[in-house]
C-alpha atoms as a PDB file:
ATOM      1  CA  MET A   1      22.213  45.727 -41.714  1.00  0.00           C
ATOM      2  CA  SER A   2      22.563  44.762 -45.362  1.00  0.00           C
ATOM      3  CA  GLU A   3      23.158  41.166 -46.400  1.00  0.00           C
ATOM      4  CA  ASN A   4      26.668  42.046 -47.649  1.00  0.00           C
ATOM      5  CA  HIS A   5      27.550  43.681 -44.341  1.00  0.00           C
ATOM      6  CA  ALA A   6      26.141  40.724 -42.385  1.00  0.00           C
ATOM      7  CA  ARG A   7      28.346  38.391 -44.447  1.00  0.00           C
ATOM      8  CA  ALA A   8      31.377  40.628 -43.896  1.00  0.00           C
ATOM      9  CA  LEU A   9      30.807  40.524 -40.158  1.00  0.00           C
ATOM     10  CA  GLN A  10      30.389  36.736 -40.123  1.00  0.00           C
ATOM     11  CA  GLY A  11      33.431  36.278 -42.360  1.00  0.00           C
ATOM     12  CA  ASN A  12      35.743  38.150 -40.038  1.00  0.00           C
ATOM     13  CA  LYS A  13      36.268  35.976 -36.950  1.00  0.00           C
ATOM     14  CA  LYS A  14      38.055  38.677 -34.962  1.00  0.00           C
ATOM     15  CA  LEU A  15      35.346  41.248 -35.626  1.00  0.00           C
ATOM     16  CA  SER A  16      32.602  38.750 -34.843  1.00  0.00           C
ATOM     17  CA  LEU A  17      34.268  37.883 -31.515  1.00  0.00           C
ATOM     18  CA  ILE A  18      34.668  41.565 -30.622  1.00  0.00           C
ATOM     19  CA  LYS A  19      30.985  42.232 -31.356  1.00  0.00           C
ATOM     20  CA  GLY A  20      29.937  39.244 -29.255  1.00  0.00           C
ATOM     21  CA  PHE A  21      32.112  40.172 -26.274  1.00  0.00           C
ATOM     22  CA  LEU A  22      30.862  43.773 -26.341  1.00  0.00           C
ATOM     23  CA  GLU A  23      27.293  42.483 -26.386  1.00  0.00           C
ATOM     24  CA  ASP A  24      28.061  40.066 -23.510  1.00  0.00           C
ATOM     25  CA  LYS A  25      28.847  43.055 -21.278  1.00  0.00           C
ATOM     26  CA  LYS A  26      25.884  45.082 -22.554  1.00  0.00           C
ATOM     27  CA  ALA A  27      27.888  47.702 -24.442  1.00  0.00           C
ATOM     28  CA  GLU A  28      25.474  50.216 -25.911  1.00  0.00           C
ATOM     29  CA  GLU A  29      24.931  51.773 -29.347  1.00  0.00           C
ATOM     30  CA  LEU A  30      27.440  49.606 -31.181  1.00  0.00           C
ATOM     31  CA  VAL A  31      28.680  50.985 -34.502  1.00  0.00           C
ATOM     32  CA  ILE A  32      31.103  49.224 -36.853  1.00  0.00           C
ATOM     33  CA  LEU A  33      32.602  51.128 -39.787  1.00  0.00           C
ATOM     34  CA  ASN A  34      34.620  49.801 -42.713  1.00  0.00           C
ATOM     35  CA  LEU A  35      37.699  52.018 -43.105  1.00  0.00           C
ATOM     36  CA  ARG A  36      39.458  49.924 -45.785  1.00  0.00           C
ATOM     37  CA  GLY A  37      40.863  52.271 -48.380  1.00  0.00           C
ATOM     38  CA  ILE A  38      39.969  55.306 -46.239  1.00  0.00           C
ATOM     39  CA  SER A  39      42.399  54.978 -43.315  1.00  0.00           C
ATOM     40  CA  SER A  40      46.030  53.918 -43.298  1.00  0.00           C
ATOM     41  CA  VAL A  41      45.737  53.086 -39.583  1.00  0.00           C
ATOM     42  CA  THR A  42      43.095  50.346 -39.527  1.00  0.00           C
ATOM     43  CA  ASP A  43      40.547  48.470 -41.630  1.00  0.00           C
ATOM     44  CA  THR A  44      37.657  48.522 -39.173  1.00  0.00           C
ATOM     45  CA  LEU A  45      36.525  50.911 -36.450  1.00  0.00           C
ATOM     46  CA  VAL A  46      34.253  49.694 -33.655  1.00  0.00           C
ATOM     47  CA  VAL A  47      32.600  52.277 -31.401  1.00  0.00           C
ATOM     48  CA  ALA A  48      30.454  51.458 -28.372  1.00  0.00           C
ATOM     49  CA  SER A  49      29.206  53.214 -25.242  1.00  0.00           C
ATOM     50  CA  GLY A  50      28.955  52.451 -21.573  1.00  0.00           C
ATOM     51  CA  HIS A  51      26.443  54.049 -19.214  1.00  0.00           C
ATOM     52  CA  SER A  52      28.998  54.791 -16.450  1.00  0.00           C
ATOM     53  CA  ASP A  53      32.760  54.986 -15.926  1.00  0.00           C
ATOM     54  CA  ARG A  54      32.666  51.557 -14.302  1.00  0.00           C
ATOM     55  CA  HIS A  55      30.676  50.079 -17.181  1.00  0.00           C
ATOM     56  CA  VAL A  56      33.145  51.456 -19.772  1.00  0.00           C
ATOM     57  CA  GLN A  57      36.005  49.990 -17.747  1.00  0.00           C
ATOM     58  CA  ALA A  58      34.294  46.607 -17.302  1.00  0.00           C
ATOM     59  CA  VAL A  59      33.410  46.329 -21.003  1.00  0.00           C
ATOM     60  CA  SER A  60      36.945  47.257 -22.078  1.00  0.00           C
ATOM     61  CA  GLU A  61      38.682  44.931 -19.625  1.00  0.00           C
ATOM     62  CA  TYR A  62      36.345  42.036 -20.455  1.00  0.00           C
ATOM     63  CA  LEU A  63      36.997  42.490 -24.179  1.00  0.00           C
ATOM     64  CA  VAL A  64      40.775  42.410 -23.689  1.00  0.00           C
ATOM     65  CA  GLN A  65      40.595  39.370 -21.386  1.00  0.00           C
ATOM     66  CA  GLU A  66      38.269  37.344 -23.610  1.00  0.00           C
ATOM     67  CA  MET A  67      40.130  38.205 -26.811  1.00  0.00           C
ATOM     68  CA  LYS A  68      43.371  37.002 -25.166  1.00  0.00           C
ATOM     69  CA  HIS A  69      41.624  33.689 -24.435  1.00  0.00           C
ATOM     70  CA  GLN A  70      40.907  33.482 -28.171  1.00  0.00           C
ATOM     71  CA  GLY A  71      44.555  34.176 -29.048  1.00  0.00           C
ATOM     72  CA  TYR A  72      44.245  37.874 -29.915  1.00  0.00           C
ATOM     73  CA  GLN A  73      46.674  40.177 -28.110  1.00  0.00           C
ATOM     74  CA  PRO A  74      46.027  43.910 -28.433  1.00  0.00           C
ATOM     75  CA  LEU A  75      48.807  45.988 -29.966  1.00  0.00           C
ATOM     76  CA  GLY A  76      47.951  48.645 -27.417  1.00  0.00           C
ATOM     77  CA  CYS A  77      45.353  49.754 -24.873  1.00  0.00           C
ATOM     78  CA  GLU A  78      44.656  53.238 -23.568  1.00  0.00           C
ATOM     79  CA  GLY A  79      42.379  54.678 -20.907  1.00  0.00           C
ATOM     80  CA  LEU A  80      41.115  51.426 -19.399  1.00  0.00           C
ATOM     81  CA  LYS A  81      41.776  52.495 -15.810  1.00  0.00           C
ATOM     82  CA  ASP A  82      39.953  55.847 -16.081  1.00  0.00           C
ATOM     83  CA  GLY A  83      36.726  54.444 -17.483  1.00  0.00           C
ATOM     84  CA  ARG A  84      35.932  57.438 -19.685  1.00  0.00           C
ATOM     85  CA  TRP A  85      37.315  56.129 -22.977  1.00  0.00           C
ATOM     86  CA  GLY A  86      38.846  52.730 -23.570  1.00  0.00           C
ATOM     87  CA  LEU A  87      40.824  52.288 -26.767  1.00  0.00           C
ATOM     88  CA  ILE A  88      41.885  48.764 -27.723  1.00  0.00           C
ATOM     89  CA  ASP A  89      44.013  48.370 -30.866  1.00  0.00           C
ATOM     90  CA  TYR A  90      43.966  45.010 -32.639  1.00  0.00           C
ATOM     91  CA  GLY A  91      45.713  46.335 -35.742  1.00  0.00           C
ATOM     92  CA  ASP A  92      43.088  45.752 -38.421  1.00  0.00           C
ATOM     93  CA  VAL A  93      40.316  46.465 -35.882  1.00  0.00           C
ATOM     94  CA  ILE A  94      40.386  49.376 -33.434  1.00  0.00           C
ATOM     95  CA  VAL A  95      37.781  49.433 -30.657  1.00  0.00           C
ATOM     96  CA  HIS A  96      36.653  52.550 -28.781  1.00  0.00           C
ATOM     97  CA  VAL A  97      34.433  52.158 -25.713  1.00  0.00           C
ATOM     98  CA  PHE A  98      33.239  55.572 -24.563  1.00  0.00           C
ATOM     99  CA  TYR A  99      31.301  57.067 -21.720  1.00  0.00           C
ATOM    100  CA  GLN A 100      28.373  58.587 -23.654  1.00  0.00           C
ATOM    101  CA  ASP A 101      29.280  62.279 -23.129  1.00  0.00           C
ATOM    102  CA  ILE A 102      32.849  61.657 -24.273  1.00  0.00           C
ATOM    103  CA  ARG A 103      31.598  59.748 -27.324  1.00  0.00           C
ATOM    104  CA  ALA A 104      29.344  62.642 -28.304  1.00  0.00           C
ATOM    105  CA  HIS A 105      32.222  65.106 -27.896  1.00  0.00           C
ATOM    106  CA  TYR A 106      34.637  63.216 -30.168  1.00  0.00           C
ATOM    107  CA  ASP A 107      31.928  62.058 -32.627  1.00  0.00           C
ATOM    108  CA  LEU A 108      34.041  59.440 -34.393  1.00  0.00           C
ATOM    109  CA  GLU A 109      31.030  58.385 -36.436  1.00  0.00           C
ATOM    110  CA  GLY A 110      30.845  61.957 -37.747  1.00  0.00           C
ATOM    111  CA  VAL A 111      34.569  62.099 -38.428  1.00  0.00           C
ATOM    112  CA  TRP A 112      34.254  58.903 -40.496  1.00  0.00           C
ATOM    113  CA  ARG A 113      30.785  59.666 -41.922  1.00  0.00           C
ATOM    114  CA  ASP A 114      31.881  58.678 -45.446  1.00  0.00           C
ATOM    115  CA  ALA A 115      32.896  55.185 -44.299  1.00  0.00           C
ATOM    116  CA  PRO A 116      30.608  52.290 -45.214  1.00  0.00           C
ATOM    117  CA  VAL A 117      28.577  51.180 -42.195  1.00  0.00           C
ATOM    118  CA  ILE A 118      28.826  47.489 -41.311  1.00  0.00           C
ATOM    119  CA  LEU A 119      26.576  47.785 -38.247  1.00  0.00           C
ATOM    120  CA  ASP A 120      24.745  50.643 -36.539  1.00  0.00           C
ATOM    121  CA  GLU A 121      22.780  49.824 -33.383  1.00  0.00           C
ATOM    122  CA  ARG A 122      22.284  53.421 -32.245  1.00  0.00           C
ATOM    123  CA  SER A 123      18.692  54.293 -31.480  1.00  0.00           C
ATOM    124  CA  LYS A 124      17.204  56.386 -34.210  1.00  0.00           C
ATOM    125  CA  GLY A 125      15.431  58.647 -31.738  1.00  0.00           C
END
């Protein structure tokens, strides 16, 4: 992670909290993309994986619960009960927590490949 991206992450309290809560529940392969000026929907896209349906569900529910404790209410949540793909919309930050096969199918990182990368914790093989 570049020094500028590290500063951007530290300077954005909401994004820093989201990253920390995802890490608390052992979300995998965290990727954070800067969509400012690229998307009219959000400024930042966070993508993470879970290793099972239950893990995806637990990570997503924990994130929502802990963010509420910090005063951040999601604008919307989708898929949390199914455990295949949790989408949590915080307006300027949208979080996707995927079961790995679903993540690979939708390939959001590929869709937004021109976006500046703030953080990429995927294994490089």
